[in-house]
Amino acid sequence: MRGYGNRGGFAGAQVTSGVKGLVIANLVVFVLQTLTGGGMGRSLGIIDVWASFVPQLAIFDFQVWRFVTYMFLHGGFFHILFNMFVLWMFGSQIEALWGRRTFLTYYFVCGVGAAVIYGVFRLFGYESMVPMMGASGAIYGLLLAYGLTFPNNVILVFMILPMKAKYAVLLFGLIELLSIPRGGSVAHLAHLGGMVAGFIFLQVTAPNIARRGGGFVDDATRRWRIFRARNRMRVVRPDERSGGNGKDKSPPSPGQKRIDIILDKISREGLQSLTDEEQEILRRAGKR
């Protein structure tokens, strides 16, 4: 998958600090896995044995660290390559918008949530003792967040199919859902669990963040200010200034015209297209 913004620019060129830290941590652990018999090998190394997610051990034997540590393990070069590529491409944009703290919180909520959902459904089957590893649950949560935050951005699905992010998220979710009955070596249930956990997190936390401000809530706060600005600037619409008889009673001020231009820009290109100056204008308008 390759991401493009609304204006055609590459979507993940700049690496943010939280994403950089996660990538480095995953790479370091992968090297340690390989040196201890796991990672690139076909068997489990000592790190894999003690840090992978095993439902029976994590839940019944209270080895709760496995809910987190499994996210830093990978079962091969292409496994870690894909996850780190998606983390870099989409995670950097999300962190830049939400802030590092909220981004990392969301990332780990998705990863832990993926393990919980996978563990609950696999606990009483033969897979209850099968190790699971990889950051894919958290990565699928990031895909969901990207689709909700930048719904109209176009990405290349499977490197060949251009598709808006909101439709790509639905496609990936459907693929994982349909793949669950087939089983295999891929934890499709965990992928879907990461998306479910991420969706719940966003639904629960967004209103609270909007009241506090900062991080993820910056976007929610801007949406609220834009909503207020729209309602308070209704008098600038031409049909309302004319009083319904076609005669303009009060010409709009330059400030009111600028608000109209910004609101039209949001309708066409989305919130992410606004400059810092335009966001400040909306912020002041929302406080009036």
C-alpha atoms as a PDB file:
ATOM      1  CA  MET A   1       0.000   0.000   0.000  1.00  0.00           C
ATOM      2  CA  ARG A   2       1.207   3.444  -0.820  1.00  0.00           C
ATOM      3  CA  GLY A   3      -0.478   6.599   0.407  1.00  0.00           C
ATOM      4  CA  TYR A   4      -1.121   9.854  -1.369  1.00  0.00           C
ATOM      5  CA  GLY A   5      -2.632  13.017   0.059  1.00  0.00           C
ATOM      6  CA  ASN A   6      -5.551  14.860  -1.477  1.00  0.00           C
ATOM      7  CA  ARG A   7      -3.085  16.879  -3.552  1.00  0.00           C
ATOM      8  CA  GLY A   8      -1.113  13.895  -4.728  1.00  0.00           C
ATOM      9  CA  GLY A   9       1.849  14.112  -2.341  1.00  0.00           C
ATOM     10  CA  PHE A  10       3.460  11.081  -0.754  1.00  0.00           C
ATOM     11  CA  ALA A  11       1.751  10.487   2.570  1.00  0.00           C
ATOM     12  CA  GLY A  12       4.472   9.182   4.831  1.00  0.00           C
ATOM     13  CA  ALA A  13       7.761  10.886   3.971  1.00  0.00           C
ATOM     14  CA  GLN A  14       8.529  12.356   7.414  1.00  0.00           C
ATOM     15  CA  VAL A  15       9.083   9.979  10.321  1.00  0.00           C
ATOM     16  CA  THR A  16       7.692  11.203  13.653  1.00  0.00           C
ATOM     17  CA  SER A  17       9.366  10.455  16.982  1.00  0.00           C
ATOM     18  CA  GLY A  18       6.850   7.888  18.225  1.00  0.00           C
ATOM     19  CA  VAL A  19       6.896   5.952  14.962  1.00  0.00           C
ATOM     20  CA  LYS A  20      10.699   6.075  14.885  1.00  0.00           C
ATOM     21  CA  GLY A  21      10.885   4.665  18.412  1.00  0.00           C
ATOM     22  CA  LEU A  22       8.516   1.817  17.576  1.00  0.00           C
ATOM     23  CA  VAL A  23      10.385   0.922  14.387  1.00  0.00           C
ATOM     24  CA  ILE A  24      13.734   0.881  16.189  1.00  0.00           C
ATOM     25  CA  ALA A  25      12.344  -1.231  19.041  1.00  0.00           C
ATOM     26  CA  ASN A  26      10.860  -3.752  16.609  1.00  0.00           C
ATOM     27  CA  LEU A  27      14.074  -4.001  14.615  1.00  0.00           C
ATOM     28  CA  VAL A  28      16.211  -4.471  17.734  1.00  0.00           C
ATOM     29  CA  VAL A  29      13.927  -7.221  19.027  1.00  0.00           C
ATOM     30  CA  PHE A  30      13.917  -8.894  15.608  1.00  0.00           C
ATOM     31  CA  VAL A  31      17.710  -8.999  15.605  1.00  0.00           C
ATOM     32  CA  LEU A  32      17.665 -10.518  19.094  1.00  0.00           C
ATOM     33  CA  GLN A  33      15.074 -13.049  17.926  1.00  0.00           C
ATOM     34  CA  THR A  34      17.282 -14.059  15.036  1.00  0.00           C
ATOM     35  CA  LEU A  35      20.364 -14.375  17.232  1.00  0.00           C
ATOM     36  CA  THR A  36      18.504 -16.618  19.677  1.00  0.00           C
ATOM     37  CA  GLY A  37      17.020 -19.001  17.131  1.00  0.00           C
ATOM     38  CA  GLY A  38      13.780 -17.262  16.173  1.00  0.00           C
ATOM     39  CA  GLY A  39      12.964 -14.422  13.811  1.00  0.00           C
ATOM     40  CA  MET A  40      14.390 -15.568  10.487  1.00  0.00           C
ATOM     41  CA  GLY A  41      14.413 -19.219  11.543  1.00  0.00           C
ATOM     42  CA  ARG A  42      11.624 -21.754  11.236  1.00  0.00           C
ATOM     43  CA  SER A  43      11.644 -22.629  14.939  1.00  0.00           C
ATOM     44  CA  LEU A  44      10.869 -20.638  18.071  1.00  0.00           C
ATOM     45  CA  GLY A  45      13.783 -19.028  19.879  1.00  0.00           C
ATOM     46  CA  ILE A  46      14.016 -18.380  23.574  1.00  0.00           C
ATOM     47  CA  ILE A  47      12.580 -14.869  23.188  1.00  0.00           C
ATOM     48  CA  ASP A  48       9.663 -16.220  21.157  1.00  0.00           C
ATOM     49  CA  VAL A  49       8.885 -18.803  23.836  1.00  0.00           C
ATOM     50  CA  TRP A  50       8.740 -16.257  26.641  1.00  0.00           C
ATOM     51  CA  ALA A  51       7.295 -13.212  24.858  1.00  0.00           C
ATOM     52  CA  SER A  52       4.826 -14.451  22.210  1.00  0.00           C
ATOM     53  CA  PHE A  53       1.107 -14.371  22.942  1.00  0.00           C
ATOM     54  CA  VAL A  54      -0.223 -17.747  24.034  1.00  0.00           C
ATOM     55  CA  PRO A  55      -3.882 -17.449  25.155  1.00  0.00           C
ATOM     56  CA  GLN A  56      -3.713 -20.237  27.712  1.00  0.00           C
ATOM     57  CA  LEU A  57      -0.581 -18.862  29.369  1.00  0.00           C
ATOM     58  CA  ALA A  58      -1.503 -15.187  29.139  1.00  0.00           C
ATOM     59  CA  ILE A  59      -4.989 -15.579  30.606  1.00  0.00           C
ATOM     60  CA  PHE A  60      -5.051 -18.663  32.857  1.00  0.00           C
ATOM     61  CA  ASP A  61      -1.417 -18.535  33.985  1.00  0.00           C
ATOM     62  CA  PHE A  62      -1.497 -14.738  34.375  1.00  0.00           C
ATOM     63  CA  GLN A  63       1.516 -14.121  32.139  1.00  0.00           C
ATOM     64  CA  VAL A  64       0.061 -10.731  31.335  1.00  0.00           C
ATOM     65  CA  TRP A  65       3.234  -9.320  29.767  1.00  0.00           C
ATOM     66  CA  ARG A  66       2.448 -11.391  26.699  1.00  0.00           C
ATOM     67  CA  PHE A  67      -0.424  -9.031  25.813  1.00  0.00           C
ATOM     68  CA  VAL A  68       2.239  -6.406  24.993  1.00  0.00           C
ATOM     69  CA  THR A  69       5.499  -8.194  24.231  1.00  0.00           C
ATOM     70  CA  TYR A  70       4.091 -10.224  21.338  1.00  0.00           C
ATOM     71  CA  MET A  71       3.691  -6.981  19.387  1.00  0.00           C
ATOM     72  CA  PHE A  72       7.474  -6.638  19.067  1.00  0.00           C
ATOM     73  CA  LEU A  73       8.066 -10.156  17.743  1.00  0.00           C
ATOM     74  CA  HIS A  74       7.906 -11.176  14.092  1.00  0.00           C
ATOM     75  CA  GLY A  75       8.030 -14.454  12.237  1.00  0.00           C
ATOM     76  CA  GLY A  76      10.176 -13.519   9.286  1.00  0.00           C
ATOM     77  CA  PHE A  77      11.782 -10.740   7.275  1.00  0.00           C
ATOM     78  CA  PHE A  78       8.743  -9.953   5.129  1.00  0.00           C
ATOM     79  CA  HIS A  79       6.485 -10.033   8.180  1.00  0.00           C
ATOM     80  CA  ILE A  80       8.393  -7.251   9.912  1.00  0.00           C
ATOM     81  CA  LEU A  81       9.055  -5.408   6.642  1.00  0.00           C
ATOM     82  CA  PHE A  82       5.351  -5.073   5.848  1.00  0.00           C
ATOM     83  CA  ASN A  83       4.388  -4.022   9.372  1.00  0.00           C
ATOM     84  CA  MET A  84       7.138  -1.419   9.692  1.00  0.00           C
ATOM     85  CA  PHE A  85       6.418  -0.079   6.207  1.00  0.00           C
ATOM     86  CA  VAL A  86       2.747   0.512   7.042  1.00  0.00           C
ATOM     87  CA  LEU A  87       3.651   1.897  10.478  1.00  0.00           C
ATOM     88  CA  TRP A  88       6.010   4.415   8.888  1.00  0.00           C
ATOM     89  CA  MET A  89       3.671   5.392   6.078  1.00  0.00           C
ATOM     90  CA  PHE A  90       0.395   5.860   7.941  1.00  0.00           C
ATOM     91  CA  GLY A  91       1.491   6.120  11.559  1.00  0.00           C
ATOM     92  CA  SER A  92       3.609   9.230  10.955  1.00  0.00           C
ATOM     93  CA  GLN A  93       0.639  11.167   9.603  1.00  0.00           C
ATOM     94  CA  ILE A  94      -1.593  10.103  12.463  1.00  0.00           C
ATOM     95  CA  GLU A  95       1.009  10.954  15.104  1.00  0.00           C
ATOM     96  CA  ALA A  96       1.634  14.347  13.503  1.00  0.00           C
ATOM     97  CA  LEU A  97      -2.071  15.112  13.869  1.00  0.00           C
ATOM     98  CA  TRP A  98      -2.809  13.517  17.254  1.00  0.00           C
ATOM     99  CA  GLY A  99       0.449  13.994  19.115  1.00  0.00           C
ATOM    100  CA  ARG A 100       2.899  11.345  20.306  1.00  0.00           C
ATOM    101  CA  ARG A 101       1.215  10.442  23.603  1.00  0.00           C
ATOM    102  CA  THR A 102      -2.219   9.824  22.142  1.00  0.00           C
ATOM    103  CA  PHE A 103      -0.782   8.060  19.117  1.00  0.00           C
ATOM    104  CA  LEU A 104       1.227   5.624  21.254  1.00  0.00           C
ATOM    105  CA  THR A 105      -1.749   5.065  23.561  1.00  0.00           C
ATOM    106  CA  TYR A 106      -3.914   4.221  20.568  1.00  0.00           C
ATOM    107  CA  TYR A 107      -1.246   1.943  19.094  1.00  0.00           C
ATOM    108  CA  PHE A 108      -0.938  -0.137  22.257  1.00  0.00           C
ATOM    109  CA  VAL A 109      -4.702  -0.196  22.851  1.00  0.00           C
ATOM    110  CA  CYS A 110      -5.131  -1.694  19.382  1.00  0.00           C
ATOM    111  CA  GLY A 111      -2.345  -4.227  19.970  1.00  0.00           C
ATOM    112  CA  VAL A 112      -3.572  -5.305  23.396  1.00  0.00           C
ATOM    113  CA  GLY A 113      -7.178  -5.308  22.196  1.00  0.00           C
ATOM    114  CA  ALA A 114      -6.230  -7.558  19.287  1.00  0.00           C
ATOM    115  CA  ALA A 115      -4.659 -10.047  21.718  1.00  0.00           C
ATOM    116  CA  VAL A 116      -7.671  -9.950  24.055  1.00  0.00           C
ATOM    117  CA  ILE A 117     -10.162 -10.607  21.267  1.00  0.00           C
ATOM    118  CA  TYR A 118      -7.973 -13.296  19.737  1.00  0.00           C
ATOM    119  CA  GLY A 119      -7.390 -14.913  23.129  1.00  0.00           C
ATOM    120  CA  VAL A 120     -11.045 -14.986  24.144  1.00  0.00           C
ATOM    121  CA  PHE A 121     -12.109 -16.687  20.913  1.00  0.00           C
ATOM    122  CA  ARG A 122      -9.186 -19.132  20.855  1.00  0.00           C
ATOM    123  CA  LEU A 123      -8.970 -19.930  24.560  1.00  0.00           C
ATOM    124  CA  PHE A 124     -10.899 -23.191  24.537  1.00  0.00           C
ATOM    125  CA  GLY A 125      -9.733 -24.546  21.184  1.00  0.00           C
ATOM    126  CA  TYR A 126      -6.578 -26.285  20.070  1.00  0.00           C
ATOM    127  CA  GLU A 127      -5.062 -22.884  19.250  1.00  0.00           C
ATOM    128  CA  SER A 128      -5.036 -21.873  22.919  1.00  0.00           C
ATOM    129  CA  MET A 129      -1.397 -23.010  23.138  1.00  0.00           C
ATOM    130  CA  VAL A 130      -0.280 -21.781  19.708  1.00  0.00           C
ATOM    131  CA  PRO A 131       2.023 -18.714  19.953  1.00  0.00           C
ATOM    132  CA  MET A 132       0.988 -15.539  18.151  1.00  0.00           C
ATOM    133  CA  MET A 133       3.421 -12.750  17.349  1.00  0.00           C
ATOM    134  CA  GLY A 134       3.567  -9.567  15.316  1.00  0.00           C
ATOM    135  CA  ALA A 135       2.458  -5.933  15.361  1.00  0.00           C
ATOM    136  CA  SER A 136      -0.276  -6.563  12.802  1.00  0.00           C
ATOM    137  CA  GLY A 137      -3.166  -6.060  15.248  1.00  0.00           C
ATOM    138  CA  ALA A 138      -1.907  -2.562  16.071  1.00  0.00           C
ATOM    139  CA  ILE A 139      -1.117  -1.925  12.395  1.00  0.00           C
ATOM    140  CA  TYR A 140      -4.682  -2.734  11.353  1.00  0.00           C
ATOM    141  CA  GLY A 141      -5.866  -0.360  14.052  1.00  0.00           C
ATOM    142  CA  LEU A 142      -3.711   2.350  12.442  1.00  0.00           C
ATOM    143  CA  LEU A 143      -5.264   1.595   9.053  1.00  0.00           C
ATOM    144  CA  LEU A 144      -8.688   2.162  10.586  1.00  0.00           C
ATOM    145  CA  ALA A 145      -7.565   5.440  12.160  1.00  0.00           C
ATOM    146  CA  TYR A 146      -6.078   6.614   8.878  1.00  0.00           C
ATOM    147  CA  GLY A 147      -9.282   5.800   7.009  1.00  0.00           C
ATOM    148  CA  LEU A 148     -11.374   7.721   9.526  1.00  0.00           C
ATOM    149  CA  THR A 149      -8.992  10.667   9.766  1.00  0.00           C
ATOM    150  CA  PHE A 150      -8.107  11.018   6.076  1.00  0.00           C
ATOM    151  CA  PRO A 151     -11.096   9.317   4.404  1.00  0.00           C
ATOM    152  CA  ASN A 152     -10.623  10.866   0.970  1.00  0.00           C
ATOM    153  CA  ASN A 153      -6.870  10.384   0.685  1.00  0.00           C
ATOM    154  CA  VAL A 154      -6.031   7.937  -2.090  1.00  0.00           C
ATOM    155  CA  ILE A 155      -3.787   4.951  -1.371  1.00  0.00           C
ATOM    156  CA  LEU A 156      -2.520   2.185  -3.617  1.00  0.00           C
ATOM    157  CA  VAL A 157      -4.007  -1.059  -2.335  1.00  0.00           C
ATOM    158  CA  PHE A 158      -1.689  -4.007  -3.005  1.00  0.00           C
ATOM    159  CA  MET A 159       0.536  -1.447  -4.780  1.00  0.00           C
ATOM    160  CA  ILE A 160      -1.651  -1.440  -7.892  1.00  0.00           C
ATOM    161  CA  LEU A 161      -5.223  -0.396  -7.054  1.00  0.00           C
ATOM    162  CA  PRO A 162      -5.864   3.300  -6.232  1.00  0.00           C
ATOM    163  CA  MET A 163      -8.635   3.628  -3.685  1.00  0.00           C
ATOM    164  CA  LYS A 164      -9.868   6.182  -1.167  1.00  0.00           C
ATOM    165  CA  ALA A 165      -8.728   5.338   2.348  1.00  0.00           C
ATOM    166  CA  LYS A 166     -12.256   4.952   3.710  1.00  0.00           C
ATOM    167  CA  TYR A 167     -13.049   2.269   1.126  1.00  0.00           C
ATOM    168  CA  ALA A 168      -9.682   0.577   1.587  1.00  0.00           C
ATOM    169  CA  VAL A 169     -10.371   0.168   5.314  1.00  0.00           C
ATOM    170  CA  LEU A 170     -13.714  -1.461   4.569  1.00  0.00           C
ATOM    171  CA  LEU A 171     -12.034  -3.764   2.063  1.00  0.00           C
ATOM    172  CA  PHE A 172      -9.320  -4.868   4.498  1.00  0.00           C
ATOM    173  CA  GLY A 173     -11.855  -5.408   7.260  1.00  0.00           C
ATOM    174  CA  LEU A 174     -14.016  -7.536   4.974  1.00  0.00           C
ATOM    175  CA  ILE A 175     -11.022  -9.581   3.831  1.00  0.00           C
ATOM    176  CA  GLU A 176     -10.034 -10.351   7.426  1.00  0.00           C
ATOM    177  CA  LEU A 177     -13.606 -11.223   8.382  1.00  0.00           C
ATOM    178  CA  LEU A 178     -14.004 -13.640   5.476  1.00  0.00           C
ATOM    179  CA  SER A 179     -10.572 -15.156   6.138  1.00  0.00           C
ATOM    180  CA  ILE A 180     -11.252 -16.146   9.762  1.00  0.00           C
ATOM    181  CA  PRO A 181     -13.006 -19.477   8.970  1.00  0.00           C
ATOM    182  CA  ARG A 182     -10.087 -20.591   6.782  1.00  0.00           C
ATOM    183  CA  GLY A 183      -7.632 -20.313   9.661  1.00  0.00           C
ATOM    184  CA  GLY A 184      -4.043 -20.944   8.591  1.00  0.00           C
ATOM    185  CA  SER A 185      -0.868 -19.401   9.978  1.00  0.00           C
ATOM    186  CA  VAL A 186      -2.174 -15.815   9.817  1.00  0.00           C
ATOM    187  CA  ALA A 187      -4.099 -14.513  12.846  1.00  0.00           C
ATOM    188  CA  HIS A 188      -6.930 -12.867  10.919  1.00  0.00           C
ATOM    189  CA  LEU A 189      -8.994 -12.654  14.089  1.00  0.00           C
ATOM    190  CA  ALA A 190      -6.278 -10.555  15.733  1.00  0.00           C
ATOM    191  CA  HIS A 191      -6.160  -8.216  12.723  1.00  0.00           C
ATOM    192  CA  LEU A 192      -9.887  -7.678  12.956  1.00  0.00           C
ATOM    193  CA  GLY A 193      -9.586  -7.366  16.732  1.00  0.00           C
ATOM    194  CA  GLY A 194      -7.119  -4.515  16.352  1.00  0.00           C
ATOM    195  CA  MET A 195      -9.592  -2.629  14.180  1.00  0.00           C
ATOM    196  CA  VAL A 196     -12.429  -3.276  16.623  1.00  0.00           C
ATOM    197  CA  ALA A 197     -10.338  -2.117  19.589  1.00  0.00           C
ATOM    198  CA  GLY A 198      -9.289   1.005  17.698  1.00  0.00           C
ATOM    199  CA  PHE A 199     -12.876   1.837  16.759  1.00  0.00           C
ATOM    200  CA  ILE A 200     -14.046   1.484  20.364  1.00  0.00           C
ATOM    201  CA  PHE A 201     -11.156   3.642  21.586  1.00  0.00           C
ATOM    202  CA  LEU A 202     -12.000   6.425  19.149  1.00  0.00           C
ATOM    203  CA  GLN A 203     -15.694   6.320  19.988  1.00  0.00           C
ATOM    204  CA  VAL A 204     -15.079   6.454  23.736  1.00  0.00           C
ATOM    205  CA  THR A 205     -12.232   8.954  23.930  1.00  0.00           C
ATOM    206  CA  ALA A 206     -12.953  11.482  21.187  1.00  0.00           C
ATOM    207  CA  PRO A 207     -15.579  13.522  23.118  1.00  0.00           C
ATOM    208  CA  ASN A 208     -13.389  13.679  26.230  1.00  0.00           C
ATOM    209  CA  ILE A 209     -10.333  14.708  24.240  1.00  0.00           C
ATOM    210  CA  ALA A 210     -12.338  17.382  22.473  1.00  0.00           C
ATOM    211  CA  ARG A 211     -13.169  18.946  25.851  1.00  0.00           C
ATOM    212  CA  ARG A 212      -9.571  18.802  27.075  1.00  0.00           C
ATOM    213  CA  GLY A 213      -7.823  19.700  23.822  1.00  0.00           C
ATOM    214  CA  GLY A 214      -4.509  18.389  22.535  1.00  0.00           C
ATOM    215  CA  GLY A 215      -3.357  15.277  20.723  1.00  0.00           C
ATOM    216  CA  PHE A 216      -6.051  13.337  18.940  1.00  0.00           C
ATOM    217  CA  VAL A 217      -8.553  15.719  20.260  1.00  0.00           C
ATOM    218  CA  ASP A 218      -7.063  18.577  18.312  1.00  0.00           C
ATOM    219  CA  ASP A 219      -8.937  17.254  15.283  1.00  0.00           C
ATOM    220  CA  ALA A 220     -12.167  16.841  17.228  1.00  0.00           C
ATOM    221  CA  THR A 221     -11.701  20.323  18.683  1.00  0.00           C
ATOM    222  CA  ARG A 222     -11.233  21.827  15.234  1.00  0.00           C
ATOM    223  CA  ARG A 223     -14.369  20.072  14.008  1.00  0.00           C
ATOM    224  CA  TRP A 224     -16.317  21.512  16.939  1.00  0.00           C
ATOM    225  CA  ARG A 225     -14.994  25.012  16.287  1.00  0.00           C
ATOM    226  CA  ILE A 226     -15.838  24.703  12.602  1.00  0.00           C
ATOM    227  CA  PHE A 227     -19.345  23.578  13.521  1.00  0.00           C
ATOM    228  CA  ARG A 228     -19.783  26.630  15.743  1.00  0.00           C
ATOM    229  CA  ALA A 229     -18.279  28.881  13.106  1.00  0.00           C
ATOM    230  CA  ARG A 230     -20.699  27.567  10.493  1.00  0.00           C
ATOM    231  CA  ASN A 231     -23.693  28.288  12.699  1.00  0.00           C
ATOM    232  CA  ARG A 232     -22.496  31.710  13.783  1.00  0.00           C
ATOM    233  CA  MET A 233     -21.581  32.801  10.286  1.00  0.00           C
ATOM    234  CA  ARG A 234     -24.902  31.927   8.689  1.00  0.00           C
ATOM    235  CA  VAL A 235     -25.686  35.630   8.186  1.00  0.00           C
ATOM    236  CA  VAL A 236     -22.995  35.898   5.562  1.00  0.00           C
ATOM    237  CA  ARG A 237     -24.819  33.696   3.062  1.00  0.00           C
ATOM    238  CA  PRO A 238     -26.066  35.720   0.067  1.00  0.00           C
ATOM    239  CA  ASP A 239     -29.667  34.545   0.244  1.00  0.00           C
ATOM    240  CA  GLU A 240     -29.882  35.472   3.931  1.00  0.00           C
ATOM    241  CA  ARG A 241     -28.311  38.922   3.432  1.00  0.00           C
ATOM    242  CA  SER A 242     -30.923  39.737   0.810  1.00  0.00           C
ATOM    243  CA  GLY A 243     -33.775  38.933   3.183  1.00  0.00           C
ATOM    244  CA  GLY A 244     -35.370  36.729   0.530  1.00  0.00           C
ATOM    245  CA  ASN A 245     -36.218  39.610  -1.838  1.00  0.00           C
ATOM    246  CA  GLY A 246     -32.988  39.567  -3.831  1.00  0.00           C
ATOM    247  CA  LYS A 247     -31.767  42.911  -2.381  1.00  0.00           C
ATOM    248  CA  ASP A 248     -28.562  42.845  -0.429  1.00  0.00           C
ATOM    249  CA  LYS A 249     -29.185  44.563   2.909  1.00  0.00           C
ATOM    250  CA  SER A 250     -25.719  44.205   4.502  1.00  0.00           C
ATOM    251  CA  PRO A 251     -22.661  43.342   2.430  1.00  0.00           C
ATOM    252  CA  PRO A 252     -20.348  40.817   4.088  1.00  0.00           C
ATOM    253  CA  SER A 253     -17.184  42.025   5.764  1.00  0.00           C
ATOM    254  CA  PRO A 254     -13.768  40.815   4.514  1.00  0.00           C
ATOM    255  CA  GLY A 255     -13.567  38.587   7.596  1.00  0.00           C
ATOM    256  CA  GLN A 256     -16.890  36.961   6.802  1.00  0.00           C
ATOM    257  CA  LYS A 257     -15.828  36.348   3.210  1.00  0.00           C
ATOM    258  CA  ARG A 258     -12.655  34.653   4.446  1.00  0.00           C
ATOM    259  CA  ILE A 259     -14.688  32.352   6.709  1.00  0.00           C
ATOM    260  CA  ASP A 260     -16.855  31.338   3.739  1.00  0.00           C
ATOM    261  CA  ILE A 261     -13.776  30.558   1.654  1.00  0.00           C
ATOM    262  CA  ILE A 262     -12.264  28.424   4.425  1.00  0.00           C
ATOM    263  CA  LEU A 263     -15.490  26.496   5.030  1.00  0.00           C
ATOM    264  CA  ASP A 264     -15.828  25.813   1.308  1.00  0.00           C
ATOM    265  CA  LYS A 265     -12.236  24.584   1.258  1.00  0.00           C
ATOM    266  CA  ILE A 266     -13.012  22.149   4.085  1.00  0.00           C
ATOM    267  CA  SER A 267     -15.993  20.812   2.161  1.00  0.00           C
ATOM    268  CA  ARG A 268     -13.815  20.210  -0.909  1.00  0.00           C
ATOM    269  CA  GLU A 269     -10.518  19.017   0.570  1.00  0.00           C
ATOM    270  CA  GLY A 270     -11.058  18.139   4.229  1.00  0.00           C
ATOM    271  CA  LEU A 271      -9.678  19.520   7.498  1.00  0.00           C
ATOM    272  CA  GLN A 272      -6.121  18.425   6.811  1.00  0.00           C
ATOM    273  CA  SER A 273      -5.900  20.870   3.896  1.00  0.00           C
ATOM    274  CA  LEU A 274      -6.079  23.949   6.150  1.00  0.00           C
ATOM    275  CA  THR A 275      -3.009  26.051   6.816  1.00  0.00           C
ATOM    276  CA  ASP A 276      -2.083  27.156  10.338  1.00  0.00           C
ATOM    277  CA  GLU A 277      -3.414  30.639   9.563  1.00  0.00           C
ATOM    278  CA  GLU A 278      -6.775  29.283   8.385  1.00  0.00           C
ATOM    279  CA  GLN A 279      -7.100  27.100  11.480  1.00  0.00           C
ATOM    280  CA  GLU A 280      -6.430  30.143  13.665  1.00  0.00           C
ATOM    281  CA  ILE A 281      -9.111  32.149  11.843  1.00  0.00           C
ATOM    282  CA  LEU A 282     -11.651  29.377  12.516  1.00  0.00           C
ATOM    283  CA  ARG A 283     -10.546  29.121  16.128  1.00  0.00           C
ATOM    284  CA  ARG A 284     -11.164  32.844  16.687  1.00  0.00           C
ATOM    285  CA  ALA A 285     -14.491  32.690  14.847  1.00  0.00           C
ATOM    286  CA  GLY A 286     -15.631  29.767  17.013  1.00  0.00           C
ATOM    287  CA  LYS A 287     -14.988  31.778  20.183  1.00  0.00           C
ATOM    288  CA  ARG A 288     -17.141  34.746  19.187  1.00  0.00           C
END
